[in-house]
Amino acid sequence: MESAPKETEALINSKLNEAQRNLEAKKQEAEEAKKKLQTWLESKKAEVDTQVAEWKAQKEQKKLTSRAEKAEEYAAASIVVAVAAVEEAELATLEAIVARMEAEEAIASN
């Protein structure tokens, strides 16, 4: 009967290791996405609604298209950051499970 908890612990440790590897792989991507977000936010702040209205009125397609592309890049970068946050949450959860199992094992062995 004692092998079942050990198998469970091994499975969770395996998942923990996998989550750690996934998180490391996503960190660089998330950092780049954060930089894109910051750049986009700075650009967005510089835009004034009246200027966009002017572009529309003057049918300045290049400027409107550029603005749309930046907005799309911002959306994509936001998704990358959200995925990295989910990966980190998964890792934290697995670490908490392992810590709880270790604590319970220590209590049981006393």
N, C-alpha and C. Protein backbone atom coordinates (compact mmCIF):
# COMPACT_ATOMS: atom_id res chain seq x y z
N MET A 1 0.81 -1.21 0.00
CA MET A 1 0.00 0.00 0.00
C MET A 1 0.85 1.27 0.00
N GLU A 2 2.05 1.16 0.52
CA GLU A 2 2.89 2.34 0.60
C GLU A 2 3.43 2.76 -0.77
N SER A 3 3.42 1.85 -1.76
CA SER A 3 3.93 2.19 -3.09
C SER A 3 3.02 3.18 -3.81
N ALA A 4 1.73 3.16 -3.52
CA ALA A 4 0.80 4.10 -4.18
C ALA A 4 1.16 5.55 -3.89
N PRO A 5 1.38 5.94 -2.62
CA PRO A 5 1.78 7.33 -2.37
C PRO A 5 3.12 7.67 -3.02
N LYS A 6 4.03 6.71 -3.06
CA LYS A 6 5.33 6.96 -3.69
C LYS A 6 5.17 7.15 -5.20
N GLU A 7 4.28 6.36 -5.81
CA GLU A 7 4.01 6.51 -7.25
C GLU A 7 3.36 7.87 -7.52
N THR A 8 2.45 8.26 -6.65
CA THR A 8 1.79 9.56 -6.79
C THR A 8 2.80 10.68 -6.65
N GLU A 9 3.68 10.54 -5.66
CA GLU A 9 4.71 11.56 -5.46
C GLU A 9 5.64 11.63 -6.67
N ALA A 10 6.01 10.48 -7.21
CA ALA A 10 6.87 10.45 -8.39
C ALA A 10 6.18 11.11 -9.59
N LEU A 11 4.89 10.85 -9.75
CA LEU A 11 4.13 11.45 -10.84
C LEU A 11 4.07 12.97 -10.67
N ILE A 12 3.81 13.42 -9.47
CA ILE A 12 3.73 14.86 -9.21
C ILE A 12 5.10 15.51 -9.41
N ASN A 13 6.17 14.84 -8.94
CA ASN A 13 7.51 15.38 -9.16
C ASN A 13 7.84 15.45 -10.64
N SER A 14 7.40 14.47 -11.40
CA SER A 14 7.61 14.48 -12.84
C SER A 14 6.88 15.66 -13.48
N LYS A 15 5.63 15.86 -13.06
CA LYS A 15 4.84 17.00 -13.56
C LYS A 15 5.49 18.32 -13.15
N LEU A 16 6.02 18.37 -11.93
CA LEU A 16 6.69 19.57 -11.43
C LEU A 16 7.91 19.89 -12.30
N ASN A 17 8.72 18.89 -12.58
CA ASN A 17 9.90 19.09 -13.42
C ASN A 17 9.51 19.57 -14.81
N GLU A 18 8.47 18.97 -15.36
CA GLU A 18 7.99 19.38 -16.69
C GLU A 18 7.50 20.83 -16.66
N ALA A 19 6.77 21.18 -15.62
CA ALA A 19 6.26 22.55 -15.50
C ALA A 19 7.41 23.55 -15.36
N GLN A 20 8.45 23.17 -14.63
CA GLN A 20 9.61 24.05 -14.49
C GLN A 20 10.30 24.27 -15.83
N ARG A 21 10.45 23.22 -16.61
CA ARG A 21 11.05 23.35 -17.94
C ARG A 21 10.19 24.24 -18.85
N ASN A 22 8.88 24.01 -18.81
CA ASN A 22 7.98 24.82 -19.63
C ASN A 22 8.03 26.29 -19.24
N LEU A 23 8.10 26.54 -17.94
CA LEU A 23 8.14 27.92 -17.46
C LEU A 23 9.40 28.62 -17.93
N GLU A 24 10.52 27.95 -17.82
CA GLU A 24 11.78 28.55 -18.27
C GLU A 24 11.73 28.89 -19.76
N ALA A 25 11.14 28.01 -20.53
CA ALA A 25 11.03 28.25 -21.96
C ALA A 25 10.13 29.45 -22.26
N LYS A 26 9.13 29.66 -21.44
CA LYS A 26 8.18 30.75 -21.67
C LYS A 26 8.67 32.09 -21.12
N LYS A 27 9.62 32.08 -20.18
CA LYS A 27 10.05 33.33 -19.55
C LYS A 27 10.62 34.32 -20.56
N GLN A 28 11.51 33.84 -21.43
CA GLN A 28 12.10 34.73 -22.43
C GLN A 28 11.03 35.29 -23.35
N GLU A 29 10.13 34.44 -23.79
CA GLU A 29 9.05 34.87 -24.66
C GLU A 29 8.17 35.91 -23.95
N ALA A 30 7.94 35.69 -22.68
CA ALA A 30 7.11 36.63 -21.91
C ALA A 30 7.81 37.97 -21.74
N GLU A 31 9.12 37.95 -21.51
CA GLU A 31 9.86 39.20 -21.38
C GLU A 31 9.79 40.03 -22.66
N GLU A 32 9.95 39.35 -23.78
CA GLU A 32 9.85 40.05 -25.07
C GLU A 32 8.45 40.60 -25.27
N ALA A 33 7.46 39.84 -24.87
CA ALA A 33 6.08 40.29 -25.00
C ALA A 33 5.82 41.49 -24.11
N LYS A 34 6.38 41.48 -22.90
CA LYS A 34 6.21 42.62 -21.99
C LYS A 34 6.82 43.88 -22.59
N LYS A 35 7.97 43.73 -23.24
CA LYS A 35 8.60 44.89 -23.88
C LYS A 35 7.71 45.42 -25.00
N LYS A 36 7.12 44.51 -25.77
CA LYS A 36 6.21 44.94 -26.83
C LYS A 36 5.00 45.65 -26.24
N LEU A 37 4.51 45.13 -25.14
CA LEU A 37 3.37 45.77 -24.48
C LEU A 37 3.72 47.18 -24.05
N GLN A 38 4.88 47.34 -23.44
CA GLN A 38 5.31 48.65 -22.96
C GLN A 38 5.46 49.62 -24.13
N THR A 39 6.08 49.15 -25.19
CA THR A 39 6.25 49.99 -26.38
C THR A 39 4.90 50.40 -26.94
N TRP A 40 3.99 49.44 -27.01
CA TRP A 40 2.67 49.73 -27.54
C TRP A 40 1.94 50.73 -26.64
N LEU A 41 2.04 50.55 -25.33
CA LEU A 41 1.37 51.46 -24.41
C LEU A 41 1.90 52.88 -24.55
N GLU A 42 3.22 52.99 -24.69
CA GLU A 42 3.80 54.32 -24.87
C GLU A 42 3.31 54.95 -26.16
N SER A 43 3.24 54.14 -27.21
CA SER A 43 2.74 54.63 -28.49
C SER A 43 1.27 55.03 -28.37
N LYS A 44 0.51 54.20 -27.68
CA LYS A 44 -0.92 54.44 -27.52
C LYS A 44 -1.17 55.75 -26.77
N LYS A 45 -0.38 56.00 -25.74
CA LYS A 45 -0.53 57.23 -24.97
C LYS A 45 -0.28 58.46 -25.84
N ALA A 46 0.66 58.29 -26.77
CA ALA A 46 1.02 59.41 -27.64
C ALA A 46 -0.10 59.74 -28.64
N GLU A 47 -0.88 58.73 -28.95
CA GLU A 47 -1.99 58.97 -29.89
C GLU A 47 -3.08 59.78 -29.20
N VAL A 48 -3.68 60.62 -29.93
CA VAL A 48 -4.78 61.42 -29.42
C VAL A 48 -6.01 61.09 -30.26
N ASP A 49 -7.14 60.95 -29.58
CA ASP A 49 -8.36 60.58 -30.29
C ASP A 49 -8.68 61.54 -31.44
N THR A 50 -8.39 62.78 -31.24
CA THR A 50 -8.68 63.73 -32.31
C THR A 50 -7.80 63.47 -33.54
N GLN A 51 -6.57 63.00 -33.28
CA GLN A 51 -5.68 62.71 -34.39
C GLN A 51 -6.21 61.52 -35.20
N VAL A 52 -6.71 60.50 -34.50
CA VAL A 52 -7.28 59.35 -35.18
C VAL A 52 -8.49 59.78 -35.99
N ALA A 53 -9.30 60.63 -35.40
CA ALA A 53 -10.46 61.15 -36.12
C ALA A 53 -10.03 61.91 -37.37
N GLU A 54 -8.94 62.64 -37.25
CA GLU A 54 -8.40 63.38 -38.39
C GLU A 54 -7.93 62.40 -39.48
N TRP A 55 -7.25 61.33 -39.07
CA TRP A 55 -6.79 60.32 -40.03
C TRP A 55 -7.97 59.73 -40.79
N LYS A 56 -9.04 59.47 -40.04
CA LYS A 56 -10.23 58.91 -40.68
C LYS A 56 -10.82 59.90 -41.67
N ALA A 57 -10.93 61.13 -41.24
CA ALA A 57 -11.52 62.16 -42.09
C ALA A 57 -10.70 62.36 -43.37
N GLN A 58 -9.37 62.28 -43.22
CA GLN A 58 -8.50 62.49 -44.37
C GLN A 58 -8.16 61.18 -45.10
N LYS A 59 -8.78 60.11 -44.61
CA LYS A 59 -8.59 58.79 -45.22
C LYS A 59 -7.11 58.42 -45.35
N GLU A 60 -6.38 58.64 -44.24
CA GLU A 60 -4.95 58.31 -44.21
C GLU A 60 -4.81 56.83 -43.88
N GLN A 61 -4.91 56.03 -44.92
CA GLN A 61 -4.94 54.59 -44.77
C GLN A 61 -3.67 54.02 -44.15
N LYS A 62 -2.51 54.54 -44.51
CA LYS A 62 -1.25 54.02 -43.97
C LYS A 62 -1.21 54.18 -42.45
N LYS A 63 -1.60 55.34 -41.99
CA LYS A 63 -1.56 55.59 -40.55
C LYS A 63 -2.60 54.74 -39.81
N LEU A 64 -3.77 54.63 -40.39
CA LEU A 64 -4.81 53.81 -39.76
C LEU A 64 -4.42 52.33 -39.77
N THR A 65 -3.81 51.89 -40.87
CA THR A 65 -3.37 50.49 -40.95
C THR A 65 -2.26 50.22 -39.94
N SER A 66 -1.33 51.13 -39.83
CA SER A 66 -0.23 50.99 -38.87
C SER A 66 -0.77 50.92 -37.44
N ARG A 67 -1.73 51.75 -37.15
CA ARG A 67 -2.36 51.74 -35.82
C ARG A 67 -3.05 50.40 -35.56
N ALA A 68 -3.73 49.88 -36.56
CA ALA A 68 -4.41 48.58 -36.42
C ALA A 68 -3.40 47.46 -36.20
N GLU A 69 -2.29 47.50 -36.94
CA GLU A 69 -1.26 46.47 -36.78
C GLU A 69 -0.64 46.51 -35.38
N LYS A 70 -0.41 47.69 -34.87
CA LYS A 70 0.14 47.82 -33.51
C LYS A 70 -0.84 47.27 -32.48
N ALA A 71 -2.12 47.53 -32.70
CA ALA A 71 -3.14 47.01 -31.78
C ALA A 71 -3.17 45.49 -31.82
N GLU A 72 -3.01 44.92 -32.99
CA GLU A 72 -2.98 43.46 -33.13
C GLU A 72 -1.75 42.86 -32.44
N GLU A 73 -0.61 43.52 -32.59
CA GLU A 73 0.61 43.07 -31.91
C GLU A 73 0.43 43.12 -30.39
N TYR A 74 -0.21 44.17 -29.92
CA TYR A 74 -0.49 44.31 -28.49
C TYR A 74 -1.36 43.15 -28.00
N ALA A 75 -2.37 42.82 -28.75
CA ALA A 75 -3.26 41.71 -28.37
C ALA A 75 -2.49 40.40 -28.33
N ALA A 76 -1.66 40.15 -29.31
CA ALA A 76 -0.87 38.91 -29.35
C ALA A 76 0.11 38.85 -28.19
N ALA A 77 0.76 39.96 -27.89
CA ALA A 77 1.70 40.00 -26.77
C ALA A 77 0.97 39.78 -25.44
N SER A 78 -0.23 40.30 -25.32
CA SER A 78 -1.02 40.10 -24.10
C SER A 78 -1.33 38.62 -23.89
N ILE A 79 -1.59 37.92 -24.97
CA ILE A 79 -1.87 36.48 -24.88
C ILE A 79 -0.63 35.73 -24.41
N VAL A 80 0.54 36.10 -24.94
CA VAL A 80 1.79 35.44 -24.54
C VAL A 80 2.03 35.64 -23.04
N VAL A 81 1.80 36.85 -22.56
CA VAL A 81 1.99 37.13 -21.13
C VAL A 81 1.00 36.31 -20.30
N ALA A 82 -0.23 36.21 -20.75
CA ALA A 82 -1.24 35.44 -20.02
C ALA A 82 -0.87 33.96 -19.97
N VAL A 83 -0.38 33.42 -21.07
CA VAL A 83 0.03 32.00 -21.10
C VAL A 83 1.17 31.76 -20.12
N ALA A 84 2.14 32.68 -20.09
CA ALA A 84 3.26 32.54 -19.15
C ALA A 84 2.77 32.58 -17.71
N ALA A 85 1.77 33.41 -17.43
CA ALA A 85 1.21 33.49 -16.08
C ALA A 85 0.53 32.18 -15.70
N VAL A 86 -0.16 31.57 -16.64
CA VAL A 86 -0.80 30.28 -16.38
C VAL A 86 0.25 29.21 -16.09
N GLU A 87 1.34 29.21 -16.87
CA GLU A 87 2.43 28.25 -16.65
C GLU A 87 3.02 28.44 -15.25
N GLU A 88 3.21 29.66 -14.85
CA GLU A 88 3.77 29.94 -13.53
C GLU A 88 2.81 29.51 -12.42
N ALA A 89 1.53 29.72 -12.63
CA ALA A 89 0.52 29.29 -11.66
C ALA A 89 0.50 27.77 -11.53
N GLU A 90 0.65 27.08 -12.66
CA GLU A 90 0.70 25.61 -12.62
C GLU A 90 1.90 25.14 -11.82
N LEU A 91 3.04 25.76 -12.06
CA LEU A 91 4.25 25.41 -11.32
C LEU A 91 4.06 25.66 -9.82
N ALA A 92 3.50 26.79 -9.47
CA ALA A 92 3.28 27.12 -8.06
C ALA A 92 2.34 26.10 -7.41
N THR A 93 1.33 25.69 -8.13
CA THR A 93 0.39 24.70 -7.61
C THR A 93 1.07 23.36 -7.35
N LEU A 94 1.86 22.93 -8.31
CA LEU A 94 2.57 21.65 -8.16
C LEU A 94 3.58 21.72 -7.01
N GLU A 95 4.27 22.84 -6.89
CA GLU A 95 5.21 23.01 -5.78
C GLU A 95 4.48 22.96 -4.44
N ALA A 96 3.30 23.55 -4.38
CA ALA A 96 2.51 23.53 -3.15
C ALA A 96 2.07 22.11 -2.81
N ILE A 97 1.68 21.35 -3.82
CA ILE A 97 1.26 19.95 -3.59
C ILE A 97 2.43 19.14 -3.05
N VAL A 98 3.60 19.30 -3.66
CA VAL A 98 4.78 18.57 -3.21
C VAL A 98 5.13 18.97 -1.78
N ALA A 99 5.08 20.25 -1.49
CA ALA A 99 5.40 20.72 -0.14
C ALA A 99 4.42 20.13 0.88
N ARG A 100 3.14 20.09 0.53
CA ARG A 100 2.13 19.52 1.43
C ARG A 100 2.38 18.03 1.64
N MET A 101 2.68 17.31 0.57
CA MET A 101 2.94 15.87 0.68
C MET A 101 4.17 15.62 1.56
N GLU A 102 5.20 16.41 1.39
CA GLU A 102 6.40 16.26 2.21
C GLU A 102 6.11 16.54 3.68
N ALA A 103 5.29 17.56 3.93
CA ALA A 103 4.93 17.88 5.31
C ALA A 103 4.13 16.75 5.93
N GLU A 104 3.17 16.24 5.20
CA GLU A 104 2.35 15.14 5.72
C GLU A 104 3.17 13.86 5.93
N GLU A 105 4.13 13.63 5.03
CA GLU A 105 5.01 12.47 5.16
C GLU A 105 5.86 12.60 6.42
N ALA A 106 6.36 13.80 6.68
CA ALA A 106 7.18 14.03 7.87
C ALA A 106 6.36 13.83 9.13
N ILE A 107 5.13 14.30 9.12
CA ILE A 107 4.25 14.14 10.29
C ILE A 107 3.94 12.67 10.51
N ALA A 108 3.67 11.94 9.43
CA ALA A 108 3.31 10.52 9.53
C ALA A 108 4.49 9.68 10.02
N SER A 109 5.69 10.10 9.69
CA SER A 109 6.85 9.29 10.10
C SER A 109 7.28 9.55 11.54
N ASN A 110 6.67 10.53 12.18
CA ASN A 110 7.00 10.82 13.60
C ASN A 110 6.17 9.98 14.46
